[in-house]
C-alpha cells in the first residue's frame, strides 16, 4: 500500500488465514456436536413447544365454542342472576338505597385527574348515599395541590368527596386502597366501586350494577368492560385494542358464563365490601393485587358477574415505553401470584374440583404462562432454528395450522382491525420477548418481580389538540 493512498487498505494474509482457521475450527466443533447434542435437544424443544401449542389451541377453541353457544342461545352471564331496577320508597326514603363508596387511586395524574374526578362525581345516585374517595399518592407537590383543589371544588357543589393522602407509597395501589378502606366513614358503606385515574364511568353505572349485588347475596363483584377512547391514535393502540378486545369479548365472558369466575381487572368494577373483607382485603404481595383479591374471594365461594354491555371509557398507553412497563407488570404479576397460590388453590375445600382445574390449568397455566412462553420460544426461537438444522422437522399442523387458527380466534374480537392482522402478529411476537422474560421473573421471583411503574396517561388527546400542541409519542 502506498503511503499517500488513504482510500484503500490491505488485510494481512496472516490475519485472513487465522480467521479462516477459526471459522473452520468452529464449523468442525458444530459438526461434531450436531448429531449427539444439537439435534436431540432441538427435537425435544420442538416436542415441548408443540405440546404447549396444542394446550393453547384447545383452550382457544374451547372458549370459542362456549362464547358461540352463549351468543346463540342468549345465555349471557347477566341472565343467570336476578336483576330488579331500584325503586323509590316513600316511607324509607333514600335509606332504601345502599351506601356506595367510590375509590379513585391516583399517582401524579396531571393529565387525567379532572376527567376521573368529574366522572365519579357525576355518577347518578342519591347524594347522601355515596362517598367519593380520592386516594392521592402523588409525589409532585404541584399535582397534589391541583387534585386537592379539584376535590374542594366538587365539595363546594355539595358532593360528598374525601381527599386522602399517605406519608408513603407502601404497597402502591393496593396499599392506597387498603388505607382507604380503614377510614371511619367506610364502615357505613355496603359496596365499593373502583376506577383508575383515566377511567370515566357513565352516570348510570351504579344503577346498572348495584341491583345485581343487592338481589344476589353470593355475588361479590360486577365487572364492566373497558372502552378505549384513543384506540385510533396510532397503530400501536390499534394492536393493543385487538388483544384486549379478545380478553373482554371472550375470556371474561366465558369465565363469567361457565364458572362465575374471572380475574378482576382492577378498575371499572364494584365489590361487595363484606366479600372483599372476607377474602382478606387488599394485599401488596404481587403487582396484580386485583387478580390476587379475585382468586382469594373465589376460593371463599363468592361468584363474579361480567357485564359486557356496560362499558367504561379509559385510555390505552400511547408510548411504547409505557406499554412495555404495563406488560411487564401484567405478565410478571400473574406468574408470581401462581407461584404463591398454587398450593392454596389445590388444597382449598370451598370450591369444586372442576373449578380448581379451571383456575390452575386454564386461568393460570395456559393463559398466563404457556401463552407467553410458546409465542416467544416456539415462534421466535425454535422455528427459525429448525431452518438451520434440517434434521429436525416441525409438522405442518404445528407450524401453520394451529398458529393460524389461534390468530384468527384472537382477532375475531375486533372485526374492524382484521386487515391489520399481519402487523398484530409482528407486534405480539416483539412483545412476547418482554412478556416471557417477565413471566420467568415472576415464577423465579427475580429482581424486578415487585417493580411497579405507573402507566403514563396523556388524557383526551383529541380534546386537547385544539388548545395546545399534544405531547410527542413514539408511534409503532
Protein backbone atom coordinates (compact mmCIF):
# COMPACT_ATOMS: atom_id res chain seq x y z
CA UNK A 1 0.00 0.00 0.00
CA UNK A 2 1.39 3.43 -0.95
CA UNK A 3 1.78 5.98 1.83
CA UNK A 4 -0.43 8.58 0.17
CA UNK A 5 -3.33 6.27 -0.51
CA UNK A 6 -5.98 6.79 2.24
CA UNK A 7 -8.88 5.13 0.43
CA UNK A 8 -7.62 1.56 0.34
CA UNK A 9 -6.45 -0.88 2.95
CA UNK A 10 -5.00 -4.32 2.82
CA UNK A 11 -5.70 -7.05 5.39
CA UNK A 12 -2.56 -9.09 6.04
CA UNK A 13 -2.65 -12.59 4.61
CA UNK A 14 -1.67 -13.96 8.02
CA UNK A 15 -4.83 -12.46 9.58
CA UNK A 16 -7.01 -13.85 6.80
CA UNK A 17 -5.52 -17.26 7.34
CA UNK A 18 -6.10 -17.01 11.10
CA UNK A 19 -9.73 -16.07 10.58
CA UNK A 20 -10.27 -18.97 8.20
CA UNK A 21 -8.73 -21.31 10.76
CA UNK A 22 -11.11 -20.08 13.49
CA UNK A 23 -14.11 -20.46 11.17
CA UNK A 24 -13.04 -23.94 10.18
CA UNK A 25 -12.50 -24.97 13.79
CA UNK A 26 -15.94 -23.66 14.83
CA UNK A 27 -17.52 -25.48 11.91
CA UNK A 28 -15.80 -28.71 12.90
CA UNK A 29 -16.94 -28.34 16.53
CA UNK A 30 -20.54 -27.73 15.43
CA UNK A 31 -20.42 -30.74 13.12
CA UNK A 32 -19.14 -32.90 15.95
CA UNK A 33 -21.84 -31.88 18.45
CA UNK A 34 -24.62 -31.53 15.89
CA UNK A 35 -25.81 -35.14 15.85
CA UNK A 36 -25.26 -36.09 19.51
CA UNK A 37 -26.34 -32.78 21.13
CA UNK A 38 -27.92 -30.08 18.96
CA UNK A 39 -30.38 -32.29 17.08
CA UNK A 40 -31.74 -34.20 20.13
CA UNK A 41 -32.05 -31.02 22.24
CA UNK A 42 -33.78 -29.11 19.44
CA UNK A 43 -36.09 -32.06 18.78
CA UNK A 44 -37.03 -32.17 22.47
CA UNK A 45 -37.74 -28.43 22.43
CA UNK A 46 -39.97 -28.89 19.38
CA UNK A 47 -41.99 -31.61 21.17
CA UNK A 48 -42.40 -29.46 24.27
CA UNK A 49 -43.43 -26.41 22.24
CA UNK A 50 -45.87 -28.46 20.16
CA UNK A 51 -47.44 -29.72 23.37
CA UNK A 52 -47.84 -26.15 24.65
CA UNK A 53 -49.25 -25.09 21.27
CA UNK A 54 -51.87 -27.83 21.47
CA UNK A 55 -52.75 -26.75 25.02
CA UNK A 56 -53.23 -23.17 23.86
CA UNK A 57 -55.12 -24.30 20.75
CA UNK A 58 -57.56 -26.46 22.73
CA UNK A 59 -58.14 -23.62 25.19
CA UNK A 60 -58.85 -21.12 22.41
CA UNK A 61 -61.18 -23.49 20.56
CA UNK A 62 -63.00 -24.37 23.79
CA UNK A 63 -63.59 -20.71 24.60
CA UNK A 64 -64.66 -20.07 21.00
CA UNK A 65 -67.28 -22.83 21.25
CA UNK A 66 -68.56 -21.62 24.63
CA UNK A 67 -68.86 -17.99 23.55
CA UNK A 68 -70.65 -19.09 20.35
CA UNK A 69 -73.19 -21.09 22.38
CA UNK A 70 -73.65 -18.18 24.78
CA UNK A 71 -74.38 -15.83 21.87
CA UNK A 72 -76.54 -18.41 20.06
CA UNK A 73 -78.79 -19.31 22.98
CA UNK A 74 -78.69 -15.94 24.71
CA UNK A 75 -77.17 -17.41 27.89
CA UNK A 76 -75.30 -14.27 28.82
CA UNK A 77 -73.94 -14.12 32.37
CA UNK A 78 -76.31 -11.38 33.48
CA UNK A 79 -79.29 -13.62 32.63
CA UNK A 80 -78.18 -16.10 35.30
CA UNK A 81 -78.50 -13.57 38.11
CA UNK A 82 -81.57 -11.83 39.48
CA UNK A 83 -81.95 -8.21 38.50
CA UNK A 84 -84.61 -5.71 39.54
CA UNK A 85 -84.29 -1.97 38.95
CA UNK A 86 -84.01 0.19 42.04
CA UNK A 87 -87.29 1.79 43.10
CA UNK A 88 -88.07 4.69 45.38
CA UNK A 89 -89.75 4.02 48.69
CA UNK A 90 -91.84 6.88 50.10
CA UNK A 91 -91.67 5.60 53.67
CA UNK A 92 -87.98 4.67 53.78
CA UNK A 93 -86.80 7.49 51.52
CA UNK A 94 -83.16 7.33 50.40
CA UNK A 95 -82.32 4.71 53.04
CA UNK A 96 -83.65 2.09 50.62
CA UNK A 97 -80.52 2.70 48.55
CA UNK A 98 -77.32 1.00 49.75
CA UNK A 99 -74.35 3.17 50.70
CA UNK A 100 -71.70 3.17 47.96
CA UNK A 101 -68.03 4.11 48.23
CA UNK A 102 -66.22 5.16 45.05
CA UNK A 103 -62.43 4.91 45.20
CA UNK A 104 -60.11 6.68 42.75
CA UNK A 105 -56.44 5.80 43.32
CA UNK A 106 -54.02 8.14 41.55
CA UNK A 107 -50.33 8.99 41.32
CA UNK A 108 -49.12 12.20 39.64
CA UNK A 109 -52.09 12.14 37.24
CA UNK A 110 -51.78 15.69 35.92
CA UNK A 111 -53.41 14.95 32.58
CA UNK A 112 -56.46 12.98 33.74
CA UNK A 113 -57.30 13.83 37.36
CA UNK A 114 -60.07 16.24 36.36
CA UNK A 115 -61.65 13.70 34.00
CA UNK A 116 -61.75 10.89 36.55
CA UNK A 117 -62.91 13.01 39.49
CA UNK A 118 -65.52 14.71 37.33
CA UNK A 119 -66.87 11.40 36.04
CA UNK A 120 -67.07 9.93 39.56
CA UNK A 121 -68.80 13.00 40.93
CA UNK A 122 -71.22 12.81 38.00
CA UNK A 123 -72.47 9.34 38.96
CA UNK A 124 -76.23 9.30 39.35
CA UNK A 125 -77.06 8.14 42.89
CA UNK A 126 -78.70 9.77 45.93
CA UNK A 127 -76.13 12.29 47.17
CA UNK A 128 -76.42 11.17 50.79
CA UNK A 129 -75.80 7.52 49.84
CA UNK A 130 -72.47 7.88 48.06
CA UNK A 131 -68.92 8.81 49.09
CA UNK A 132 -66.24 9.70 46.54
CA UNK A 133 -62.79 8.88 47.89
CA UNK A 134 -59.75 10.26 46.05
CA UNK A 135 -56.62 8.34 47.14
CA UNK A 136 -53.76 10.57 46.06
CA UNK A 137 -50.25 9.11 46.27
CA UNK A 138 -48.73 11.89 44.17
CA UNK A 139 -45.15 12.90 44.91
CA UNK A 140 -45.33 16.11 42.90
CA UNK A 141 -46.49 18.91 45.28
CA UNK A 142 -47.99 20.89 42.39
CA UNK A 143 -50.14 17.99 41.24
CA UNK A 144 -51.22 17.24 44.83
CA UNK A 145 -52.40 20.83 45.18
CA UNK A 146 -54.30 20.64 41.89
CA UNK A 147 -56.04 17.41 42.89
CA UNK A 148 -56.93 18.77 46.32
CA UNK A 149 -58.33 21.95 44.75
CA UNK A 150 -60.43 19.88 42.36
CA UNK A 151 -61.84 17.88 45.26
CA UNK A 152 -62.62 21.10 47.14
CA UNK A 153 -64.36 22.47 44.07
CA UNK A 154 -66.69 19.48 43.89
CA UNK A 155 -67.22 19.53 47.66
CA UNK A 156 -68.41 23.14 47.38
CA UNK A 157 -71.09 21.86 44.99
CA UNK A 158 -72.45 19.54 47.65
CA UNK A 159 -70.65 16.33 46.56
CA UNK A 160 -69.57 14.06 49.42
CA UNK A 161 -65.94 13.79 48.35
CA UNK A 162 -62.93 12.92 50.51
CA UNK A 163 -59.31 13.74 49.64
CA UNK A 164 -56.99 11.20 51.26
CA UNK A 165 -53.17 11.10 51.22
CA UNK A 166 -50.47 8.93 52.83
CA UNK A 167 -46.98 9.54 54.17
CA UNK A 168 -45.53 6.83 51.92
CA UNK A 169 -46.37 4.68 48.89
CA UNK A 170 -46.06 1.33 50.63
CA UNK A 171 -47.92 -1.29 48.64
CA UNK A 172 -48.52 1.16 45.77
CA UNK A 173 -52.13 0.92 44.54
CA UNK A 174 -53.03 -1.97 46.85
CA UNK A 175 -51.63 -0.04 49.80
CA UNK A 176 -53.65 3.05 48.91
CA UNK A 177 -56.88 1.08 48.53
CA UNK A 178 -56.22 -0.74 51.80
CA UNK A 179 -55.66 2.51 53.68
CA UNK A 180 -58.78 3.97 52.13
CA UNK A 181 -60.88 1.10 53.43
CA UNK A 182 -59.73 1.84 57.01
CA UNK A 183 -61.45 5.25 57.16
CA UNK A 184 -64.27 5.50 59.68
CA UNK A 185 -66.90 6.61 57.17
CA UNK A 186 -66.32 3.45 55.08
CA UNK A 187 -67.88 1.32 57.84
CA UNK A 188 -71.31 2.51 56.78
CA UNK A 189 -70.78 1.54 53.11
CA UNK A 190 -72.09 -1.67 51.54
CA UNK A 191 -70.30 -1.62 48.19
CA UNK A 192 -67.14 -0.11 46.75
CA UNK A 193 -66.66 0.89 43.11
CA UNK A 194 -63.09 1.33 41.90
CA UNK A 195 -61.93 3.47 38.97
CA UNK A 196 -58.34 4.14 37.96
CA UNK A 197 -57.43 7.74 37.23
CA UNK A 198 -58.07 7.54 33.46
CA UNK A 199 -61.48 5.82 33.73
CA UNK A 200 -64.69 7.72 33.12
CA UNK A 201 -67.86 5.82 34.10
CA UNK A 202 -71.21 6.84 32.66
CA UNK A 203 -73.69 8.42 35.10
CA UNK A 204 -75.85 5.26 35.18
CA UNK A 205 -73.00 2.92 36.20
CA UNK A 206 -74.35 2.34 39.72
CA UNK A 207 -77.94 1.94 38.58
CA UNK A 208 -76.83 -0.89 36.27
CA UNK A 209 -74.54 -2.72 38.72
CA UNK A 210 -75.79 -2.28 42.30
CA UNK A 211 -79.12 -4.15 41.75
CA UNK A 212 -77.19 -7.33 40.88
CA UNK A 213 -75.30 -7.16 44.17
CA UNK A 214 -78.43 -6.23 46.09
CA UNK A 215 -80.53 -9.17 44.86
CA UNK A 216 -77.80 -11.87 44.67
CA UNK A 217 -76.26 -12.43 48.13
CA UNK A 218 -73.44 -14.71 46.83
CA UNK A 219 -72.34 -12.24 44.17
CA UNK A 220 -69.15 -10.41 45.17
CA UNK A 221 -68.15 -8.48 42.05
CA UNK A 222 -69.68 -6.88 38.99
CA UNK A 223 -67.07 -6.08 36.35
CA UNK A 224 -67.70 -3.73 33.42
CA UNK A 225 -65.95 -3.75 30.06
CA UNK A 226 -63.31 -1.22 29.04
CA UNK A 227 -63.95 1.17 26.16
CA UNK A 228 -60.83 2.77 24.69
CA UNK A 229 -61.08 6.46 23.84
CA UNK A 230 -57.74 6.60 21.98
CA UNK A 231 -57.69 3.29 20.11
CA UNK A 232 -57.34 5.16 16.79
CA UNK A 233 -54.46 7.32 17.97
CA UNK A 234 -51.75 5.23 16.31
CA UNK A 235 -51.03 1.74 15.04
CA UNK A 236 -49.74 0.63 18.43
CA UNK A 237 -53.02 1.46 20.15
CA UNK A 238 -54.90 -0.45 17.44
CA UNK A 239 -52.76 -3.51 18.22
CA UNK A 240 -53.50 -3.16 21.92
CA UNK A 241 -57.20 -2.90 21.20
CA UNK A 242 -57.12 -6.23 19.32
CA UNK A 243 -55.51 -8.04 22.23
CA UNK A 244 -57.70 -6.51 24.94
CA UNK A 245 -60.94 -6.88 22.98
CA UNK A 246 -60.38 -10.65 22.89
CA UNK A 247 -59.84 -10.63 26.63
CA UNK A 248 -63.10 -8.79 27.28
CA UNK A 249 -65.20 -10.29 24.48
CA UNK A 250 -64.20 -13.91 25.04
CA UNK A 251 -62.11 -14.66 28.14
CA UNK A 252 -64.11 -12.61 30.64
CA UNK A 253 -67.45 -13.59 29.11
CA UNK A 254 -66.62 -17.31 29.15
CA UNK A 255 -65.30 -17.19 32.72
CA UNK A 256 -68.42 -15.41 33.91
CA UNK A 257 -70.78 -17.71 31.97
CA UNK A 258 -69.31 -21.07 32.97
CA UNK A 259 -67.58 -20.68 36.33
CA UNK A 260 -68.79 -17.30 37.63
CA UNK A 261 -65.05 -16.58 37.99
CA UNK A 262 -62.59 -14.37 36.15
CA UNK A 263 -59.73 -12.08 37.04
CA UNK A 264 -60.81 -8.70 38.34
CA UNK A 265 -59.36 -6.02 36.07
CA UNK A 266 -58.52 -3.71 38.96
CA UNK A 267 -60.87 -0.97 37.82
CA UNK A 268 -64.36 -0.37 36.36
CA UNK A 269 -65.83 -2.84 38.83
CA UNK A 270 -67.87 -2.76 42.02
CA UNK A 271 -67.30 -5.07 45.00
CA UNK A 272 -69.44 -6.18 47.91
CA UNK A 273 -67.36 -4.90 50.85
CA UNK A 274 -68.21 -7.88 53.05
CA UNK A 275 -66.84 -10.22 50.34
CA UNK A 276 -63.72 -8.12 49.97
CA UNK A 277 -63.09 -8.26 53.72
CA UNK A 278 -63.83 -11.97 53.98
CA UNK A 279 -61.25 -12.64 51.26
CA UNK A 280 -58.61 -10.86 53.33
CA UNK A 281 -58.78 -7.39 51.79
CA UNK A 282 -56.11 -5.85 49.61
CA UNK A 283 -52.62 -7.39 49.67
CA UNK A 284 -49.45 -6.00 48.13
CA UNK A 285 -47.53 -9.27 47.78
CA UNK A 286 -47.67 -9.09 43.96
CA UNK A 287 -48.15 -6.38 41.33
CA UNK A 288 -51.58 -7.81 40.42
CA UNK A 289 -53.44 -7.04 43.63
CA UNK A 290 -56.73 -7.14 41.70
CA UNK A 291 -56.21 -10.71 40.46
CA UNK A 292 -54.97 -11.73 43.90
CA UNK A 293 -58.18 -10.48 45.52
CA UNK A 294 -60.35 -12.15 42.87
CA UNK A 295 -58.73 -15.56 43.35
CA UNK A 296 -58.97 -15.35 47.14
CA UNK A 297 -62.63 -14.30 47.01
CA UNK A 298 -63.40 -17.12 44.58
CA UNK A 299 -61.81 -19.63 46.95
CA UNK A 300 -64.24 -18.40 49.61
CA UNK A 301 -67.13 -19.40 47.36
CA UNK A 302 -68.06 -15.95 46.06
CA UNK A 303 -69.31 -15.51 42.48
CA UNK A 304 -68.48 -12.84 39.90
CA UNK A 305 -70.50 -11.25 37.10
CA UNK A 306 -69.10 -9.68 33.95
CA UNK A 307 -71.34 -7.14 32.17
CA UNK A 308 -70.06 -6.85 28.62
CA UNK A 309 -72.83 -4.41 27.74
CA UNK A 310 -71.66 -1.91 30.37
CA UNK A 311 -68.63 -0.02 29.05
CA UNK A 312 -66.37 2.42 30.87
CA UNK A 313 -64.16 4.79 28.89
CA UNK A 314 -60.44 4.70 29.50
CA UNK A 315 -57.09 5.28 27.80
CA UNK A 316 -54.57 2.93 26.22
CA UNK A 317 -50.82 3.56 26.69
CA UNK A 318 -49.70 5.85 23.86
CA UNK A 319 -45.95 5.27 24.13
CA UNK A 320 -44.04 2.04 23.70
CA UNK A 321 -42.17 2.64 26.95
CA UNK A 322 -45.40 2.96 28.94
CA UNK A 323 -46.87 -0.11 27.24
CA UNK A 324 -43.74 -2.19 27.90
CA UNK A 325 -43.81 -1.36 31.62
CA UNK A 326 -47.51 -2.18 31.77
CA UNK A 327 -46.99 -5.54 30.05
CA UNK A 328 -44.13 -6.38 32.40
CA UNK A 329 -46.46 -5.88 35.36
CA UNK A 330 -49.33 -7.79 33.72
CA UNK A 331 -47.08 -10.75 32.84
CA UNK A 332 -44.83 -10.88 35.91
CA UNK A 333 -47.62 -10.42 38.47
CA UNK A 334 -49.83 -13.40 37.46
CA UNK A 335 -46.82 -15.73 37.27
CA UNK A 336 -45.70 -14.67 40.73
CA UNK A 337 -49.25 -14.99 42.10
CA UNK A 338 -49.47 -18.52 40.67
CA UNK A 339 -46.25 -19.40 42.47
CA UNK A 340 -47.69 -18.10 45.74
CA UNK A 341 -51.22 -19.53 45.46
CA UNK A 342 -50.99 -22.82 43.52
CA UNK A 343 -50.84 -24.99 46.64
CA UNK A 344 -53.57 -22.98 48.38
CA UNK A 345 -55.87 -23.43 45.40
CA UNK A 346 -55.24 -27.18 45.20
CA UNK A 347 -55.93 -27.75 48.89
CA UNK A 348 -58.98 -25.47 49.12
CA UNK A 349 -62.18 -27.19 50.26
CA UNK A 350 -64.72 -24.46 49.45
CA UNK A 351 -64.80 -24.90 45.67
CA UNK A 352 -65.32 -27.86 43.36
CA UNK A 353 -62.53 -29.85 41.73
CA UNK A 354 -63.71 -28.62 38.33
CA UNK A 355 -63.28 -25.00 39.38
CA UNK A 356 -59.83 -25.72 40.81
CA UNK A 357 -58.80 -27.26 37.49
CA UNK A 358 -60.14 -24.23 35.66
CA UNK A 359 -58.29 -21.73 37.86
CA UNK A 360 -54.97 -23.61 37.90
CA UNK A 361 -54.84 -25.06 34.39
CA UNK A 362 -56.90 -22.74 32.22
CA UNK A 363 -56.66 -19.39 34.00
CA UNK A 364 -53.04 -19.54 35.17
CA UNK A 365 -51.05 -22.21 33.30
CA UNK A 366 -52.42 -21.81 29.78
CA UNK A 367 -53.33 -18.11 29.66
CA UNK A 368 -50.72 -16.57 31.97
CA UNK A 369 -47.72 -18.88 31.39
CA UNK A 370 -47.98 -21.02 28.25
CA UNK A 371 -49.44 -18.27 26.04
CA UNK A 372 -46.42 -16.00 26.61
CA UNK A 373 -43.72 -18.68 26.60
CA UNK A 374 -44.83 -20.55 23.47
CA UNK A 375 -45.23 -17.33 21.48
CA UNK A 376 -41.60 -16.38 22.02
CA UNK A 377 -39.77 -19.70 22.45
CA UNK A 378 -41.53 -21.58 19.67
CA UNK A 379 -42.32 -18.97 17.04
CA UNK A 380 -39.32 -16.68 17.55
CA UNK A 381 -36.57 -19.16 18.53
CA UNK A 382 -37.31 -22.83 17.83
CA UNK A 383 -38.93 -22.49 14.39
CA UNK A 384 -36.11 -20.30 12.99
CA UNK A 385 -33.58 -22.72 14.49
CA UNK A 386 -35.09 -25.68 12.64
CA UNK A 387 -34.31 -23.92 9.38
CA UNK A 388 -30.61 -24.15 10.24
CA UNK A 389 -30.92 -27.76 11.41
CA UNK A 390 -32.84 -29.59 8.66
CA UNK A 391 -32.59 -32.88 10.56
CA UNK A 392 -35.31 -31.53 12.86
CA UNK A 393 -38.68 -31.01 11.23
CA UNK A 394 -41.85 -29.39 12.52
CA UNK A 395 -45.16 -30.84 11.30
CA UNK A 396 -47.26 -28.53 9.20
CA UNK A 397 -50.15 -28.67 11.67
CA UNK A 398 -47.90 -27.26 14.39
CA UNK A 399 -46.09 -24.68 12.27
CA UNK A 400 -49.01 -23.42 10.17
CA UNK A 401 -52.48 -24.66 11.03
CA UNK A 402 -52.54 -24.27 14.82
CA UNK A 403 -50.94 -20.77 14.83
CA UNK A 404 -53.34 -19.66 12.09
CA UNK A 405 -56.43 -20.82 13.98
CA UNK A 406 -55.20 -19.26 17.23
CA UNK A 407 -54.52 -15.97 15.44
CA UNK A 408 -57.95 -15.92 13.78
CA UNK A 409 -59.71 -16.69 17.07
CA UNK A 410 -57.80 -13.88 18.78
CA UNK A 411 -58.70 -11.41 16.04
CA UNK A 412 -62.47 -12.03 15.99
CA UNK A 413 -62.93 -9.72 18.97
CA UNK A 414 -62.04 -6.70 16.82
CA UNK A 415 -63.53 -7.24 13.32
CA UNK A 416 -62.67 -3.71 12.21
CA UNK A 417 -58.96 -4.48 12.55
CA UNK A 418 -58.83 -7.80 10.66
CA UNK A 419 -56.86 -6.13 7.86
CA UNK A 420 -54.13 -5.32 10.42
CA UNK A 421 -53.64 -8.94 11.44
CA UNK A 422 -50.13 -9.20 9.95
CA UNK A 423 -49.00 -6.14 11.92
CA UNK A 424 -50.64 -7.55 15.05
CA UNK A 425 -48.74 -10.84 14.68
CA UNK A 426 -45.42 -9.00 14.34
CA UNK A 427 -46.27 -6.73 17.26
CA UNK A 428 -47.23 -9.65 19.51
CA UNK A 429 -44.03 -11.52 18.61
CA UNK A 430 -41.96 -8.48 19.58
CA UNK A 431 -43.82 -8.12 22.86
CA UNK A 432 -43.53 -11.86 23.56
CA UNK A 433 -39.86 -11.37 24.48
CA UNK A 434 -40.77 -8.86 27.22
CA UNK A 435 -43.71 -10.95 28.43
CA UNK A 436 -41.71 -14.19 28.55
CA UNK A 437 -38.90 -12.51 30.46
CA UNK A 438 -41.42 -11.01 32.89
CA UNK A 439 -43.13 -14.41 33.29
CA UNK A 440 -39.89 -16.10 34.31
CA UNK A 441 -39.07 -13.21 36.65
CA UNK A 442 -42.42 -13.78 38.34
CA UNK A 443 -42.01 -17.55 38.56
CA UNK A 444 -38.46 -17.31 39.90
CA UNK A 445 -39.07 -14.13 41.93
CA UNK A 446 -36.30 -12.25 40.17
CA UNK A 447 -35.05 -8.75 40.85
CA UNK A 448 -37.89 -6.89 39.09
CA UNK A 449 -40.69 -9.06 40.48
CA UNK A 450 -42.23 -6.20 42.50
CA UNK A 451 -41.44 -3.41 40.05
CA UNK A 452 -44.37 -1.01 39.83
CA UNK A 453 -44.24 1.84 37.35
CA UNK A 454 -47.49 3.73 36.88
CA UNK A 455 -48.63 3.70 33.25
CA UNK A 456 -48.25 7.17 31.77
CA UNK A 457 -51.50 8.75 30.65
CA UNK A 458 -51.90 11.64 28.23
CA UNK A 459 -55.57 12.42 28.72
CA UNK A 460 -58.01 13.15 25.90
CA UNK A 461 -55.55 13.92 23.11
CA UNK A 462 -58.21 14.96 20.61
CA UNK A 463 -59.84 17.38 23.02
CA UNK A 464 -56.54 18.96 23.98
CA UNK A 465 -55.17 19.26 20.46
CA UNK A 466 -57.46 22.21 19.82
CA UNK A 467 -55.96 24.23 22.64
CA UNK A 468 -52.35 23.14 22.78
CA UNK A 469 -49.78 21.06 20.97
CA UNK A 470 -50.06 17.43 22.05
CA UNK A 471 -47.10 15.60 23.53
CA UNK A 472 -44.89 13.74 21.13
CA UNK A 473 -45.42 10.00 21.35
CA UNK A 474 -43.42 7.10 19.97
CA UNK A 475 -45.56 5.60 17.24
CA UNK A 476 -45.33 1.99 16.21
